[in-house]
PDB file of N, CA and C in Angstrom:
ATOM      1  N   UNK A   1      29.654  -3.596   0.284  1.00  0.00           N
ATOM      2  CA  UNK A   1      28.811  -3.728  -0.883  1.00  0.00           C
ATOM      3  C   UNK A   1      27.863  -4.921  -0.746  1.00  0.00           C
ATOM      4  N   UNK A   2      28.330  -5.997  -0.131  1.00  0.00           N
ATOM      5  CA  UNK A   2      27.466  -7.155   0.077  1.00  0.00           C
ATOM      6  C   UNK A   2      26.286  -6.791   0.972  1.00  0.00           C
ATOM      7  N   UNK A   3      26.569  -5.956   1.973  1.00  0.00           N
ATOM      8  CA  UNK A   3      25.509  -5.546   2.890  1.00  0.00           C
ATOM      9  C   UNK A   3      24.428  -4.758   2.153  1.00  0.00           C
ATOM     10  N   UNK A   4      24.834  -3.869   1.261  1.00  0.00           N
ATOM     11  CA  UNK A   4      23.880  -3.068   0.493  1.00  0.00           C
ATOM     12  C   UNK A   4      23.028  -3.960  -0.419  1.00  0.00           C
ATOM     13  N   UNK A   5      23.647  -4.937  -1.069  1.00  0.00           N
ATOM     14  CA  UNK A   5      22.899  -5.866  -1.914  1.00  0.00           C
ATOM     15  C   UNK A   5      21.919  -6.691  -1.081  1.00  0.00           C
ATOM     16  N   UNK A   6      22.351  -7.076   0.117  1.00  0.00           N
ATOM     17  CA  UNK A   6      21.469  -7.835   1.013  1.00  0.00           C
ATOM     18  C   UNK A   6      20.261  -7.000   1.419  1.00  0.00           C
ATOM     19  N   UNK A   7      20.481  -5.734   1.745  1.00  0.00           N
ATOM     20  CA  UNK A   7      19.386  -4.847   2.149  1.00  0.00           C
ATOM     21  C   UNK A   7      18.406  -4.655   0.998  1.00  0.00           C
ATOM     22  N   UNK A   8      18.906  -4.404  -0.196  1.00  0.00           N
ATOM     23  CA  UNK A   8      18.039  -4.178  -1.349  1.00  0.00           C
ATOM     24  C   UNK A   8      17.240  -5.440  -1.672  1.00  0.00           C
ATOM     25  N   UNK A   9      17.871  -6.590  -1.594  1.00  0.00           N
ATOM     26  CA  UNK A   9      17.200  -7.844  -1.934  1.00  0.00           C
ATOM     27  C   UNK A   9      16.160  -8.224  -0.886  1.00  0.00           C
ATOM     28  N   UNK A  10      16.410  -7.969   0.377  1.00  0.00           N
ATOM     29  CA  UNK A  10      15.535  -8.423   1.451  1.00  0.00           C
ATOM     30  C   UNK A  10      14.722  -7.299   2.098  1.00  0.00           C
ATOM     31  N   UNK A  11      14.609  -6.171   1.435  1.00  0.00           N
ATOM     32  CA  UNK A  11      13.862  -5.052   2.002  1.00  0.00           C
ATOM     33  C   UNK A  11      12.379  -5.407   2.018  1.00  0.00           C
ATOM     34  N   UNK A  12      11.685  -5.214   3.149  1.00  0.00           N
ATOM     35  CA  UNK A  12      10.297  -5.680   3.257  1.00  0.00           C
ATOM     36  C   UNK A  12       9.281  -4.856   2.464  1.00  0.00           C
ATOM     37  N   UNK A  13       9.665  -3.667   1.997  1.00  0.00           N
ATOM     38  CA  UNK A  13       8.739  -2.814   1.245  1.00  0.00           C
ATOM     39  C   UNK A  13       9.101  -2.890  -0.223  1.00  0.00           C
ATOM     40  N   UNK A  14       8.116  -3.250  -1.038  1.00  0.00           N
ATOM     41  CA  UNK A  14       8.314  -3.382  -2.473  1.00  0.00           C
ATOM     42  C   UNK A  14       7.943  -2.069  -3.157  1.00  0.00           C
ATOM     43  N   UNK A  15       8.356  -1.917  -4.396  1.00  0.00           N
ATOM     44  CA  UNK A  15       8.052  -0.700  -5.147  1.00  0.00           C
ATOM     45  C   UNK A  15       6.550  -0.524  -5.317  1.00  0.00           C
ATOM     46  N   UNK A  16       5.839  -1.598  -5.547  1.00  0.00           N
ATOM     47  CA  UNK A  16       4.384  -1.486  -5.735  1.00  0.00           C
ATOM     48  C   UNK A  16       3.696  -1.010  -4.460  1.00  0.00           C
ATOM     49  N   UNK A  17       4.246  -1.349  -3.297  1.00  0.00           N
ATOM     50  CA  UNK A  17       3.686  -0.853  -2.047  1.00  0.00           C
ATOM     51  C   UNK A  17       3.781   0.665  -1.971  1.00  0.00           C
ATOM     52  N   UNK A  18       4.901   1.195  -2.396  1.00  0.00           N
ATOM     53  CA  UNK A  18       5.092   2.650  -2.372  1.00  0.00           C
ATOM     54  C   UNK A  18       4.124   3.325  -3.334  1.00  0.00           C
ATOM     55  N   UNK A  19       3.938   2.755  -4.524  1.00  0.00           N
ATOM     56  CA  UNK A  19       3.009   3.336  -5.489  1.00  0.00           C
ATOM     57  C   UNK A  19       1.563   3.265  -4.991  1.00  0.00           C
ATOM     58  N   UNK A  20       1.179   2.160  -4.376  1.00  0.00           N
ATOM     59  CA  UNK A  20      -0.190   2.021  -3.878  1.00  0.00           C
ATOM     60  C   UNK A  20      -0.445   3.024  -2.757  1.00  0.00           C
ATOM     61  N   UNK A  21       0.470   3.099  -1.805  1.00  0.00           N
ATOM     62  CA  UNK A  21       0.277   4.029  -0.691  1.00  0.00           C
ATOM     63  C   UNK A  21       0.358   5.479  -1.147  1.00  0.00           C
ATOM     64  N   UNK A  22       1.231   5.766  -2.090  1.00  0.00           N
ATOM     65  CA  UNK A  22       1.310   7.118  -2.634  1.00  0.00           C
ATOM     66  C   UNK A  22       0.043   7.504  -3.375  1.00  0.00           C
ATOM     67  N   UNK A  23      -0.500   6.582  -4.145  1.00  0.00           N
ATOM     68  CA  UNK A  23      -1.750   6.842  -4.850  1.00  0.00           C
ATOM     69  C   UNK A  23      -2.912   7.047  -3.900  1.00  0.00           C
ATOM     70  N   UNK A  24      -2.965   6.232  -2.846  1.00  0.00           N
ATOM     71  CA  UNK A  24      -4.015   6.418  -1.851  1.00  0.00           C
ATOM     72  C   UNK A  24      -3.883   7.761  -1.143  1.00  0.00           C
ATOM     73  N   UNK A  25      -2.653   8.157  -0.849  1.00  0.00           N
ATOM     74  CA  UNK A  25      -2.435   9.445  -0.182  1.00  0.00           C
ATOM     75  C   UNK A  25      -2.868  10.607  -1.074  1.00  0.00           C
ATOM     76  N   UNK A  26      -2.549  10.524  -2.369  1.00  0.00           N
ATOM     77  CA  UNK A  26      -2.963  11.597  -3.282  1.00  0.00           C
ATOM     78  C   UNK A  26      -4.482  11.627  -3.456  1.00  0.00           C
ATOM     79  N   UNK A  27      -5.108  10.440  -3.513  1.00  0.00           N
ATOM     80  CA  UNK A  27      -6.560  10.397  -3.620  1.00  0.00           C
ATOM     81  C   UNK A  27      -7.199  10.969  -2.361  1.00  0.00           C
ATOM     82  N   UNK A  28      -6.636  10.632  -1.198  1.00  0.00           N
ATOM     83  CA  UNK A  28      -7.164  11.154   0.059  1.00  0.00           C
ATOM     84  C   UNK A  28      -7.069  12.671   0.100  1.00  0.00           C
ATOM     85  N   UNK A  29      -5.937  13.207  -0.301  1.00  0.00           N
ATOM     86  CA  UNK A  29      -5.755  14.658  -0.269  1.00  0.00           C
ATOM     87  C   UNK A  29      -6.737  15.365  -1.204  1.00  0.00           C
ATOM     88  N   UNK A  30      -6.918  14.820  -2.385  1.00  0.00           N
ATOM     89  CA  UNK A  30      -7.851  15.426  -3.326  1.00  0.00           C
ATOM     90  C   UNK A  30      -9.283  15.384  -2.831  1.00  0.00           C
ATOM     91  N   UNK A  31      -9.679  14.248  -2.261  1.00  0.00           N
ATOM     92  CA  UNK A  31     -11.038  14.137  -1.737  1.00  0.00           C
ATOM     93  C   UNK A  31     -11.218  14.943  -0.461  1.00  0.00           C
ATOM     94  N   UNK A  32     -10.167  15.081   0.322  1.00  0.00           N
ATOM     95  CA  UNK A  32     -10.256  15.859   1.565  1.00  0.00           C
ATOM     96  C   UNK A  32     -10.540  17.321   1.270  1.00  0.00           C
ATOM     97  N   UNK A  33     -10.021  17.816   0.160  1.00  0.00           N
ATOM     98  CA  UNK A  33     -10.334  19.191  -0.242  1.00  0.00           C
ATOM     99  C   UNK A  33     -11.800  19.317  -0.645  1.00  0.00           C
ATOM    100  N   UNK A  34     -12.380  18.242  -1.165  1.00  0.00           N
ATOM    101  CA  UNK A  34     -13.787  18.251  -1.561  1.00  0.00           C
ATOM    102  C   UNK A  34     -14.680  18.175  -0.321  1.00  0.00           C
ATOM    103  N   UNK A  35     -14.618  17.038   0.367  1.00  0.00           N
ATOM    104  CA  UNK A  35     -15.344  16.850   1.630  1.00  0.00           C
ATOM    105  C   UNK A  35     -14.560  15.851   2.464  1.00  0.00           C
ATOM    106  N   UNK A  36     -14.197  16.218   3.683  1.00  0.00           N
ATOM    107  CA  UNK A  36     -13.362  15.320   4.498  1.00  0.00           C
ATOM    108  C   UNK A  36     -13.980  13.948   4.763  1.00  0.00           C
ATOM    109  N   UNK A  37     -15.289  13.880   5.013  1.00  0.00           N
ATOM    110  CA  UNK A  37     -15.870  12.583   5.331  1.00  0.00           C
ATOM    111  C   UNK A  37     -15.863  11.656   4.124  1.00  0.00           C
ATOM    112  N   UNK A  38     -15.930  12.216   2.935  1.00  0.00           N
ATOM    113  CA  UNK A  38     -15.859  11.397   1.722  1.00  0.00           C
ATOM    114  C   UNK A  38     -14.453  10.799   1.597  1.00  0.00           C
ATOM    115  N   UNK A  39     -13.444  11.582   1.908  1.00  0.00           N
ATOM    116  CA  UNK A  39     -12.062  11.104   1.822  1.00  0.00           C
ATOM    117  C   UNK A  39     -11.827   9.934   2.770  1.00  0.00           C
ATOM    118  N   UNK A  40     -12.285  10.078   4.025  1.00  0.00           N
ATOM    119  CA  UNK A  40     -12.096   8.987   4.983  1.00  0.00           C
ATOM    120  C   UNK A  40     -12.859   7.731   4.566  1.00  0.00           C
ATOM    121  N   UNK A  41     -14.060   7.894   4.061  1.00  0.00           N
ATOM    122  CA  UNK A  41     -14.864   6.737   3.665  1.00  0.00           C
ATOM    123  C   UNK A  41     -14.263   6.015   2.462  1.00  0.00           C
ATOM    124  N   UNK A  42     -13.891   6.772   1.437  1.00  0.00           N
ATOM    125  CA  UNK A  42     -13.388   6.159   0.200  1.00  0.00           C
ATOM    126  C   UNK A  42     -12.028   5.505   0.418  1.00  0.00           C
ATOM    127  N   UNK A  43     -11.106   6.223   1.036  1.00  0.00           N
ATOM    128  CA  UNK A  43      -9.757   5.674   1.231  1.00  0.00           C
ATOM    129  C   UNK A  43      -9.778   4.544   2.250  1.00  0.00           C
ATOM    130  N   UNK A  44     -10.599   4.647   3.274  1.00  0.00           N
ATOM    131  CA  UNK A  44     -10.727   3.548   4.234  1.00  0.00           C
ATOM    132  C   UNK A  44     -11.246   2.279   3.581  1.00  0.00           C
ATOM    133  N   UNK A  45     -12.249   2.419   2.729  1.00  0.00           N
ATOM    134  CA  UNK A  45     -12.781   1.269   2.008  1.00  0.00           C
ATOM    135  C   UNK A  45     -11.740   0.680   1.062  1.00  0.00           C
ATOM    136  N   UNK A  46     -10.982   1.534   0.400  1.00  0.00           N
ATOM    137  CA  UNK A  46      -9.935   1.055  -0.516  1.00  0.00           C
ATOM    138  C   UNK A  46      -8.845   0.305   0.240  1.00  0.00           C
ATOM    139  N   UNK A  47      -8.458   0.812   1.404  1.00  0.00           N
ATOM    140  CA  UNK A  47      -7.410   0.144   2.190  1.00  0.00           C
ATOM    141  C   UNK A  47      -7.897  -1.222   2.673  1.00  0.00           C
ATOM    142  N   UNK A  48      -9.132  -1.305   3.123  1.00  0.00           N
ATOM    143  CA  UNK A  48      -9.684  -2.593   3.555  1.00  0.00           C
ATOM    144  C   UNK A  48      -9.752  -3.569   2.380  1.00  0.00           C
ATOM    145  N   UNK A  49     -10.200  -3.093   1.223  1.00  0.00           N
ATOM    146  CA  UNK A  49     -10.290  -3.963   0.048  1.00  0.00           C
ATOM    147  C   UNK A  49      -8.911  -4.460  -0.389  1.00  0.00           C
ATOM    148  N   UNK A  50      -7.931  -3.576  -0.397  1.00  0.00           N
ATOM    149  CA  UNK A  50      -6.567  -3.979  -0.764  1.00  0.00           C
ATOM    150  C   UNK A  50      -6.023  -4.977   0.244  1.00  0.00           C
ATOM    151  N   UNK A  51      -6.265  -4.735   1.531  1.00  0.00           N
ATOM    152  CA  UNK A  51      -5.808  -5.669   2.562  1.00  0.00           C
ATOM    153  C   UNK A  51      -6.433  -7.041   2.419  1.00  0.00           C
ATOM    154  N   UNK A  52      -7.727  -7.079   2.140  1.00  0.00           N
ATOM    155  CA  UNK A  52      -8.388  -8.375   1.935  1.00  0.00           C
ATOM    156  C   UNK A  52      -7.862  -9.078   0.695  1.00  0.00           C
ATOM    157  N   UNK A  53      -7.677  -8.322  -0.381  1.00  0.00           N
ATOM    158  CA  UNK A  53      -7.164  -8.926  -1.612  1.00  0.00           C
ATOM    159  C   UNK A  53      -5.787  -9.536  -1.395  1.00  0.00           C
ATOM    160  N   UNK A  54      -4.874  -8.762  -0.787  1.00  0.00           N
ATOM    161  CA  UNK A  54      -3.523  -9.279  -0.574  1.00  0.00           C
ATOM    162  C   UNK A  54      -3.516 -10.409   0.442  1.00  0.00           C
ATOM    163  N   UNK A  55      -4.377 -10.343   1.426  1.00  0.00           N
ATOM    164  CA  UNK A  55      -4.416 -11.402   2.423  1.00  0.00           C
ATOM    165  C   UNK A  55      -4.956 -12.709   1.884  1.00  0.00           C
ATOM    166  N   UNK A  56      -5.879 -12.621   0.938  1.00  0.00           N
ATOM    167  CA  UNK A  56      -6.502 -13.836   0.433  1.00  0.00           C
ATOM    168  C   UNK A  56      -5.824 -14.415  -0.801  1.00  0.00           C
ATOM    169  N   UNK A  57      -5.307 -13.566  -1.672  1.00  0.00           N
ATOM    170  CA  UNK A  57      -4.853 -14.052  -2.979  1.00  0.00           C
ATOM    171  C   UNK A  57      -3.362 -13.949  -3.234  1.00  0.00           C
ATOM    172  N   UNK A  58      -2.654 -13.063  -2.562  1.00  0.00           N
ATOM    173  CA  UNK A  58      -1.238 -12.841  -2.864  1.00  0.00           C
ATOM    174  C   UNK A  58      -0.389 -13.452  -1.776  1.00  0.00           C
ATOM    175  N   UNK A  59       0.504 -14.344  -2.167  1.00  0.00           N
ATOM    176  CA  UNK A  59       1.421 -14.966  -1.224  1.00  0.00           C
ATOM    177  C   UNK A  59       2.794 -14.330  -1.381  1.00  0.00           C
ATOM    178  N   UNK A  60       3.361 -13.887  -0.283  1.00  0.00           N
ATOM    179  CA  UNK A  60       4.675 -13.260  -0.319  1.00  0.00           C
ATOM    180  C   UNK A  60       5.655 -14.021   0.546  1.00  0.00           C
ATOM    181  N   UNK A  61       6.884 -14.017   0.148  1.00  0.00           N
ATOM    182  CA  UNK A  61       7.943 -14.587   0.971  1.00  0.00           C
ATOM    183  C   UNK A  61       7.774 -16.064   1.224  1.00  0.00           C
ATOM    184  N   UNK A  62       7.798 -16.444   2.507  1.00  0.00           N
ATOM    185  CA  UNK A  62       7.754 -17.858   2.876  1.00  0.00           C
ATOM    186  C   UNK A  62       6.341 -18.361   3.076  1.00  0.00           C
ATOM    187  N   UNK A  63       5.328 -17.601   2.719  1.00  0.00           N
ATOM    188  CA  UNK A  63       3.957 -18.082   2.831  1.00  0.00           C
ATOM    189  C   UNK A  63       3.672 -19.050   1.684  1.00  0.00           C
ATOM    190  N   UNK A  64       3.318 -20.226   1.997  1.00  0.00           N
ATOM    191  CA  UNK A  64       3.019 -21.232   0.966  1.00  0.00           C
ATOM    192  C   UNK A  64       1.662 -21.855   1.238  1.00  0.00           C
TER     193      UNK A  64
END
């Protein structure tokens, strides 16, 4: 039981990560049905923007 609590507490993927990636995947699928190049452009831009935001403003774990 201690091992399970340790895994849950120290798991590197947070719930918000799953929601963000799931939302991006659903947006990509919907746009891909419309026009594939629009899906790649929009979701690619969103992923870059999210990466920049988290890299610049959000500190996780031992980053101080």
